[in-house]
Amino acid sequence: MARTTMSDARKKDTREKIELGGLIVKAGLRFEKRALLLGALIDLQQRLAHDGAERDRLIAIGSGAFGDDDE
């Protein structure tokens, strides 16, 4: 039973990582350096912690981009 739970958790973790990688591709950042991407994400996390309006603005941009999906 514990083995199944561990396997399910690993599968869920793997799926989340694949989906997050897909966001990088969708944003057009596939060929950027990993250090740049990590730096941008860390900076974003810090800005979002202090600015709710920025969070709302970026959600609107992202929602619009997902609206363009052909899926």
C-alpha atoms as a PDB file:
ATOM      1  CA  MET A   1       0.000   0.000   0.000  1.00  0.00           C
ATOM      2  CA  ALA A   2       2.762   2.456   0.909  1.00  0.00           C
ATOM      3  CA  ARG A   3       4.504   1.612  -2.368  1.00  0.00           C
ATOM      4  CA  THR A   4       1.381   2.558  -4.361  1.00  0.00           C
ATOM      5  CA  THR A   5       1.007   5.841  -2.495  1.00  0.00           C
ATOM      6  CA  MET A   6       4.676   6.683  -3.116  1.00  0.00           C
ATOM      7  CA  SER A   7       4.336   5.795  -6.795  1.00  0.00           C
ATOM      8  CA  ASP A   8       1.227   7.947  -7.151  1.00  0.00           C
ATOM      9  CA  ALA A   9       2.985  10.876  -5.470  1.00  0.00           C
ATOM     10  CA  ARG A  10       5.973  10.529  -7.805  1.00  0.00           C
ATOM     11  CA  LYS A  11       3.678  10.432 -10.859  1.00  0.00           C
ATOM     12  CA  LYS A  12       1.851  13.547  -9.668  1.00  0.00           C
ATOM     13  CA  ASP A  13       5.156  15.345  -9.060  1.00  0.00           C
ATOM     14  CA  THR A  14       6.432  14.368 -12.509  1.00  0.00           C
ATOM     15  CA  ARG A  15       3.226  15.566 -14.191  1.00  0.00           C
ATOM     16  CA  GLU A  16       3.413  18.929 -12.394  1.00  0.00           C
ATOM     17  CA  LYS A  17       7.014  19.414 -13.528  1.00  0.00           C
ATOM     18  CA  ILE A  18       6.124  18.572 -17.122  1.00  0.00           C
ATOM     19  CA  GLU A  19       3.228  21.050 -17.029  1.00  0.00           C
ATOM     20  CA  LEU A  20       5.481  23.775 -15.599  1.00  0.00           C
ATOM     21  CA  GLY A  21       8.001  23.145 -18.377  1.00  0.00           C
ATOM     22  CA  GLY A  22       5.171  23.529 -20.863  1.00  0.00           C
ATOM     23  CA  LEU A  23       4.485  26.995 -19.461  1.00  0.00           C
ATOM     24  CA  ILE A  24       8.079  27.993 -20.207  1.00  0.00           C
ATOM     25  CA  VAL A  25       7.639  26.811 -23.797  1.00  0.00           C
ATOM     26  CA  LYS A  26       4.252  28.535 -24.176  1.00  0.00           C
ATOM     27  CA  ALA A  27       5.776  31.796 -22.938  1.00  0.00           C
ATOM     28  CA  GLY A  28       8.397  31.596 -25.705  1.00  0.00           C
ATOM     29  CA  LEU A  29      11.281  31.113 -23.279  1.00  0.00           C
ATOM     30  CA  ARG A  30      12.391  27.620 -24.300  1.00  0.00           C
ATOM     31  CA  PHE A  31      15.875  28.691 -25.346  1.00  0.00           C
ATOM     32  CA  GLU A  32      16.671  31.062 -22.487  1.00  0.00           C
ATOM     33  CA  LYS A  33      19.332  30.127 -19.971  1.00  0.00           C
ATOM     34  CA  ARG A  34      18.117  28.323 -16.874  1.00  0.00           C
ATOM     35  CA  ALA A  35      19.785  30.908 -14.637  1.00  0.00           C
ATOM     36  CA  LEU A  36      17.800  33.688 -16.334  1.00  0.00           C
ATOM     37  CA  LEU A  37      14.527  31.799 -15.915  1.00  0.00           C
ATOM     38  CA  LEU A  38      15.196  31.039 -12.270  1.00  0.00           C
ATOM     39  CA  GLY A  39      16.226  34.634 -11.594  1.00  0.00           C
ATOM     40  CA  ALA A  40      13.078  35.927 -13.258  1.00  0.00           C
ATOM     41  CA  LEU A  41      10.895  33.563 -11.250  1.00  0.00           C
ATOM     42  CA  ILE A  42      12.575  34.487  -7.966  1.00  0.00           C
ATOM     43  CA  ASP A  43      12.166  38.179  -8.769  1.00  0.00           C
ATOM     44  CA  LEU A  44       8.521  37.579  -9.671  1.00  0.00           C
ATOM     45  CA  GLN A  45       7.881  35.751  -6.403  1.00  0.00           C
ATOM     46  CA  GLN A  46       9.327  38.653  -4.443  1.00  0.00           C
ATOM     47  CA  ARG A  47       7.314  41.252  -6.374  1.00  0.00           C
ATOM     48  CA  LEU A  48       4.070  39.296  -6.006  1.00  0.00           C
ATOM     49  CA  ALA A  49       4.559  39.082  -2.262  1.00  0.00           C
ATOM     50  CA  HIS A  50       4.319  42.881  -2.099  1.00  0.00           C
ATOM     51  CA  ASP A  51       2.014  43.877  -4.952  1.00  0.00           C
ATOM     52  CA  GLY A  52      -1.484  42.411  -5.323  1.00  0.00           C
ATOM     53  CA  ALA A  53      -2.207  44.593  -8.339  1.00  0.00           C
ATOM     54  CA  GLU A  54       0.758  43.085 -10.182  1.00  0.00           C
ATOM     55  CA  ARG A  55      -0.594  39.616  -9.421  1.00  0.00           C
ATOM     56  CA  ASP A  56      -3.985  40.559 -10.905  1.00  0.00           C
ATOM     57  CA  ARG A  57      -2.352  42.116 -13.975  1.00  0.00           C
ATOM     58  CA  LEU A  58      -0.280  39.013 -14.670  1.00  0.00           C
ATOM     59  CA  ILE A  59      -3.236  36.687 -14.126  1.00  0.00           C
ATOM     60  CA  ALA A  60      -5.138  38.635 -16.791  1.00  0.00           C
ATOM     61  CA  ILE A  61      -2.235  38.289 -19.233  1.00  0.00           C
ATOM     62  CA  GLY A  62      -1.907  34.561 -18.542  1.00  0.00           C
ATOM     63  CA  SER A  63      -5.637  33.948 -18.804  1.00  0.00           C
ATOM     64  CA  GLY A  64      -5.615  35.634 -22.185  1.00  0.00           C
ATOM     65  CA  ALA A  65      -2.741  33.451 -23.362  1.00  0.00           C
ATOM     66  CA  PHE A  66      -4.555  30.282 -22.268  1.00  0.00           C
ATOM     67  CA  GLY A  67      -7.620  31.549 -24.118  1.00  0.00           C
ATOM     68  CA  ASP A  68      -5.595  31.340 -27.327  1.00  0.00           C
ATOM     69  CA  ASP A  69      -5.105  27.574 -26.891  1.00  0.00           C
ATOM     70  CA  ASP A  70      -6.481  25.418 -29.671  1.00  0.00           C
ATOM     71  CA  GLU A  71      -6.999  22.514 -27.256  1.00  0.00           C
END
